[in-house]
Protein backbone atom coordinates (compact mmCIF):
# COMPACT_ATOMS: atom_id res chain seq x y z
CA MET A 1 66.40 85.91 142.63
CA GLU A 2 68.45 88.91 141.58
CA GLN A 3 72.17 88.26 141.29
CA LYS A 4 75.13 90.52 140.53
CA VAL A 5 78.29 89.83 138.60
CA TYR A 6 81.13 92.13 137.63
CA ILE A 7 82.18 92.13 133.98
CA ASN A 8 85.00 94.42 132.84
CA GLY A 9 84.46 96.56 135.93
CA ASN A 10 80.72 96.90 135.29
CA THR A 11 78.03 95.70 137.66
CA VAL A 12 75.57 93.46 135.83
CA LYS A 13 72.34 92.43 137.53
CA TYR A 14 70.23 89.51 136.35
CA ASP A 15 67.43 87.26 137.50
CA ASP A 16 68.89 83.78 137.94
CA GLN A 17 65.38 82.33 137.49
CA GLN A 18 65.24 83.47 133.86
CA ASN A 19 65.64 80.58 131.45
CA ASN A 20 69.19 80.40 129.96
CA ILE A 21 70.27 83.77 131.41
CA SER A 22 73.59 82.19 132.35
CA TYR A 23 74.41 81.91 128.64
CA GLY A 24 74.32 85.69 128.31
CA ILE A 25 76.54 86.15 131.35
CA GLN A 26 79.01 83.57 130.06
CA TYR A 27 79.03 85.17 126.62
CA LEU A 28 79.84 88.65 127.94
CA GLN A 29 82.27 87.45 130.58
CA TYR A 30 84.20 84.63 128.91
CA ASP A 31 83.39 84.20 125.21
CA LEU A 32 84.11 87.77 124.14
CA LYS A 33 87.32 89.70 124.62
CA PRO A 34 86.90 92.70 126.96
CA ASP A 35 87.07 95.21 124.09
CA GLU A 36 84.36 93.25 122.25
CA SER A 37 81.97 93.07 125.20
CA ASN A 38 82.63 96.71 126.08
CA VAL A 39 80.90 97.63 122.80
CA PHE A 40 77.62 96.38 124.31
CA PHE A 41 78.23 98.23 127.60
CA SER A 42 79.02 101.45 125.72
CA GLN A 43 75.92 101.15 123.52
CA ALA A 44 73.68 100.41 126.51
CA LYS A 45 75.07 103.41 128.38
CA THR A 46 74.59 105.71 125.39
CA LEU A 47 71.24 104.45 124.08
CA GLY A 48 69.74 102.89 127.21
CA SER A 49 69.97 99.31 125.97
CA ALA A 50 71.95 97.01 123.69
CA PRO A 51 70.40 93.91 122.13
CA PHE A 52 72.71 91.02 121.27
CA GLU A 53 72.75 87.28 120.72
CA ASP A 54 75.23 84.63 121.79
CA ASP A 55 76.80 81.93 119.60
CA ASN A 56 73.73 79.71 120.08
CA GLU A 57 71.35 82.46 118.91
CA ASN A 58 69.96 83.11 122.40
CA GLN A 59 68.64 86.68 122.46
CA PHE A 60 69.53 89.14 125.24
CA THR A 61 69.25 92.83 126.06
CA LEU A 62 71.72 94.70 128.23
CA GLN A 63 69.97 97.69 129.85
CA TYR A 64 71.75 100.59 131.54
CA ASN A 65 70.44 101.72 134.94
CA SER A 66 71.62 105.33 135.04
CA ASN A 67 70.38 105.93 138.59
CA GLU A 68 72.55 103.04 139.86
CA TYR A 69 75.40 103.13 137.31
CA SER A 70 74.78 99.45 136.68
CA TYR A 71 73.39 97.19 133.97
CA THR A 72 70.60 94.62 133.85
CA LEU A 73 70.75 91.60 131.57
CA ILE A 74 67.41 90.33 130.24
CA LYS A 75 66.72 87.23 128.16
CA ARG A 76 64.49 87.89 125.16
CA ASP A 77 62.40 85.49 123.10
CA TYR A 78 62.94 85.37 119.37
């Protein structure tokens, strides 16, 4: 089911049925300082997406949805 969370004033959508997606949300929202996580938001907005990994090497992509001015977080496999 699609969920929404607000991180640093940005709307981030994600599918709560994706395996370990909560790790990516936690990483962006709590593990990084706002100026650190904003690097990923800025890159996604400029390039369309920003790949990153959390401290446990889980792989994620933050995609920018220009028509909605929001982001979608996706869990990637290695």
